[in-house]
Amino acid sequence: MSDAQELLCVIAGAAVGVAVLAGWRDHRRRRRAHPDAVGWVDWTLVQVIALIVATIAGWIALKP
């Protein structure tokens, strides 16, 4: 595997980690005790973007 492919695999792994973190934070946001305490981060959007980045990076890295 070349250095570029390894870097893309690392990027894909990091993006999956961000997506998992965003999913956990979104779950906590939905179950908050004070419904009026609104946060400023849209965790669903962060999760979707991270999954898109992970998919594209993984696809490019594994492309022959």
N, C-alpha and C. Protein backbone atom coordinates (compact mmCIF):
# COMPACT_ATOMS: atom_id res chain seq x y z
N MET A 1 0.85 -1.16 0.00
CA MET A 1 0.00 0.00 0.00
C MET A 1 0.90 1.24 0.00
N SER A 2 0.57 2.20 -0.82
CA SER A 2 1.39 3.40 -0.91
C SER A 2 1.10 4.35 0.26
N ASP A 3 1.94 5.36 0.37
CA ASP A 3 1.75 6.35 1.45
C ASP A 3 0.44 7.10 1.30
N ALA A 4 0.05 7.39 0.07
CA ALA A 4 -1.21 8.11 -0.16
C ALA A 4 -2.40 7.26 0.26
N GLN A 5 -2.35 5.97 -0.02
CA GLN A 5 -3.43 5.08 0.38
C GLN A 5 -3.51 4.96 1.90
N GLU A 6 -2.34 4.90 2.55
CA GLU A 6 -2.34 4.83 4.01
C GLU A 6 -2.92 6.10 4.62
N LEU A 7 -2.59 7.25 4.05
CA LEU A 7 -3.13 8.51 4.54
C LEU A 7 -4.64 8.56 4.36
N LEU A 8 -5.13 8.08 3.23
CA LEU A 8 -6.57 8.06 3.00
C LEU A 8 -7.28 7.10 3.96
N CYS A 9 -6.64 5.99 4.29
CA CYS A 9 -7.22 5.06 5.27
C CYS A 9 -7.28 5.70 6.65
N VAL A 10 -6.25 6.46 7.00
CA VAL A 10 -6.25 7.16 8.28
C VAL A 10 -7.35 8.22 8.31
N ILE A 11 -7.50 8.94 7.20
CA ILE A 11 -8.56 9.95 7.11
C ILE A 11 -9.93 9.29 7.24
N ALA A 12 -10.12 8.16 6.56
CA ALA A 12 -11.39 7.45 6.64
C ALA A 12 -11.66 6.98 8.06
N GLY A 13 -10.65 6.47 8.73
CA GLY A 13 -10.81 6.02 10.11
C GLY A 13 -11.14 7.16 11.05
N ALA A 14 -10.47 8.28 10.86
CA ALA A 14 -10.76 9.45 11.70
C ALA A 14 -12.17 9.96 11.45
N ALA A 15 -12.61 9.94 10.20
CA ALA A 15 -13.96 10.40 9.88
C ALA A 15 -15.01 9.47 10.50
N VAL A 16 -14.74 8.18 10.52
CA VAL A 16 -15.66 7.24 11.18
C VAL A 16 -15.71 7.54 12.68
N GLY A 17 -14.55 7.84 13.26
CA GLY A 17 -14.52 8.20 14.68
C GLY A 17 -15.33 9.46 14.97
N VAL A 18 -15.21 10.45 14.11
CA VAL A 18 -15.99 11.69 14.27
C VAL A 18 -17.48 11.39 14.12
N ALA A 19 -17.83 10.51 13.19
CA ALA A 19 -19.24 10.16 13.00
C ALA A 19 -19.81 9.46 14.23
N VAL A 20 -19.03 8.57 14.83
CA VAL A 20 -19.49 7.89 16.04
C VAL A 20 -19.64 8.89 17.18
N LEU A 21 -18.68 9.78 17.34
CA LEU A 21 -18.76 10.81 18.37
C LEU A 21 -19.99 11.71 18.15
N ALA A 22 -20.23 12.10 16.91
CA ALA A 22 -21.38 12.95 16.61
C ALA A 22 -22.69 12.22 16.88
N GLY A 23 -22.75 10.94 16.59
CA GLY A 23 -23.95 10.15 16.89
C GLY A 23 -24.21 10.07 18.37
N TRP A 24 -23.15 9.90 19.16
CA TRP A 24 -23.30 9.85 20.61
C TRP A 24 -23.77 11.20 21.15
N ARG A 25 -23.18 12.29 20.64
CA ARG A 25 -23.58 13.62 21.09
C ARG A 25 -25.02 13.95 20.68
N ASP A 26 -25.43 13.51 19.51
CA ASP A 26 -26.80 13.74 19.08
C ASP A 26 -27.78 12.96 19.97
N HIS A 27 -27.40 11.75 20.34
CA HIS A 27 -28.23 10.95 21.24
C HIS A 27 -28.39 11.66 22.58
N ARG A 28 -27.30 12.22 23.10
CA ARG A 28 -27.37 12.96 24.37
C ARG A 28 -28.22 14.22 24.22
N ARG A 29 -28.11 14.88 23.06
CA ARG A 29 -28.88 16.10 22.84
C ARG A 29 -30.37 15.81 22.83
N ARG A 30 -30.74 14.69 22.22
CA ARG A 30 -32.17 14.34 22.14
C ARG A 30 -32.75 13.97 23.50
N ARG A 31 -31.94 13.51 24.41
CA ARG A 31 -32.42 13.06 25.72
C ARG A 31 -32.08 14.05 26.84
N ARG A 32 -31.83 15.30 26.50
CA ARG A 32 -31.44 16.27 27.53
C ARG A 32 -32.60 16.56 28.48
N ALA A 33 -32.24 16.95 29.68
CA ALA A 33 -33.24 17.20 30.73
C ALA A 33 -33.97 18.51 30.50
N HIS A 34 -33.30 19.47 29.91
CA HIS A 34 -33.89 20.79 29.69
C HIS A 34 -34.08 21.00 28.18
N PRO A 35 -35.28 20.78 27.66
CA PRO A 35 -35.51 20.88 26.22
C PRO A 35 -35.23 22.25 25.64
N ASP A 36 -35.27 23.29 26.46
CA ASP A 36 -35.02 24.63 25.94
C ASP A 36 -33.53 24.97 25.87
N ALA A 37 -32.69 24.13 26.44
CA ALA A 37 -31.24 24.37 26.40
C ALA A 37 -30.70 23.85 25.07
N VAL A 38 -30.77 24.69 24.08
CA VAL A 38 -30.39 24.30 22.72
C VAL A 38 -28.90 24.53 22.51
N GLY A 39 -28.23 23.56 21.93
CA GLY A 39 -26.82 23.70 21.60
C GLY A 39 -26.62 24.39 20.27
N TRP A 40 -25.37 24.69 19.95
CA TRP A 40 -25.08 25.41 18.71
C TRP A 40 -24.51 24.50 17.62
N VAL A 41 -24.27 23.24 17.93
CA VAL A 41 -23.74 22.31 16.94
C VAL A 41 -24.85 21.38 16.47
N ASP A 42 -25.03 21.29 15.17
CA ASP A 42 -25.99 20.36 14.59
C ASP A 42 -25.28 19.02 14.39
N TRP A 43 -25.40 18.13 15.37
CA TRP A 43 -24.63 16.89 15.37
C TRP A 43 -25.05 15.95 14.24
N THR A 44 -26.28 16.04 13.82
CA THR A 44 -26.72 15.20 12.71
C THR A 44 -25.98 15.57 11.43
N LEU A 45 -25.84 16.86 11.18
CA LEU A 45 -25.09 17.32 10.00
C LEU A 45 -23.61 16.93 10.09
N VAL A 46 -23.03 17.04 11.27
CA VAL A 46 -21.63 16.64 11.46
C VAL A 46 -21.47 15.15 11.17
N GLN A 47 -22.42 14.36 11.62
CA GLN A 47 -22.35 12.92 11.40
C GLN A 47 -22.48 12.57 9.92
N VAL A 48 -23.39 13.21 9.23
CA VAL A 48 -23.59 12.93 7.81
C VAL A 48 -22.35 13.33 7.01
N ILE A 49 -21.80 14.49 7.29
CA ILE A 49 -20.61 14.93 6.56
C ILE A 49 -19.43 14.00 6.84
N ALA A 50 -19.26 13.58 8.09
CA ALA A 50 -18.18 12.66 8.43
C ALA A 50 -18.34 11.31 7.73
N LEU A 51 -19.56 10.83 7.62
CA LEU A 51 -19.78 9.56 6.92
C LEU A 51 -19.52 9.69 5.42
N ILE A 52 -19.86 10.83 4.85
CA ILE A 52 -19.57 11.06 3.43
C ILE A 52 -18.07 11.10 3.20
N VAL A 53 -17.34 11.81 4.07
CA VAL A 53 -15.88 11.88 3.95
C VAL A 53 -15.26 10.50 4.10
N ALA A 54 -15.74 9.72 5.07
CA ALA A 54 -15.21 8.37 5.29
C ALA A 54 -15.46 7.48 4.08
N THR A 55 -16.64 7.59 3.49
CA THR A 55 -16.97 6.77 2.32
C THR A 55 -16.09 7.13 1.13
N ILE A 56 -15.95 8.41 0.88
CA ILE A 56 -15.14 8.84 -0.28
C ILE A 56 -13.67 8.50 -0.07
N ALA A 57 -13.13 8.76 1.12
CA ALA A 57 -11.73 8.46 1.38
C ALA A 57 -11.47 6.96 1.32
N GLY A 58 -12.37 6.17 1.89
CA GLY A 58 -12.19 4.72 1.83
C GLY A 58 -12.31 4.18 0.43
N TRP A 59 -13.20 4.73 -0.35
CA TRP A 59 -13.37 4.28 -1.72
C TRP A 59 -12.14 4.60 -2.56
N ILE A 60 -11.59 5.79 -2.39
CA ILE A 60 -10.41 6.18 -3.14
C ILE A 60 -9.20 5.37 -2.68
N ALA A 61 -9.09 5.10 -1.38
CA ALA A 61 -7.96 4.36 -0.85
C ALA A 61 -7.96 2.90 -1.33
N LEU A 62 -9.13 2.31 -1.45
CA LEU A 62 -9.20 0.90 -1.82
C LEU A 62 -9.34 0.68 -3.31
N LYS A 63 -9.43 1.76 -4.07
CA LYS A 63 -9.54 1.67 -5.52
C LYS A 63 -8.23 1.13 -6.08
N PRO A 64 -8.26 0.13 -6.94
CA PRO A 64 -7.00 -0.47 -7.45
C PRO A 64 -6.23 0.44 -8.38
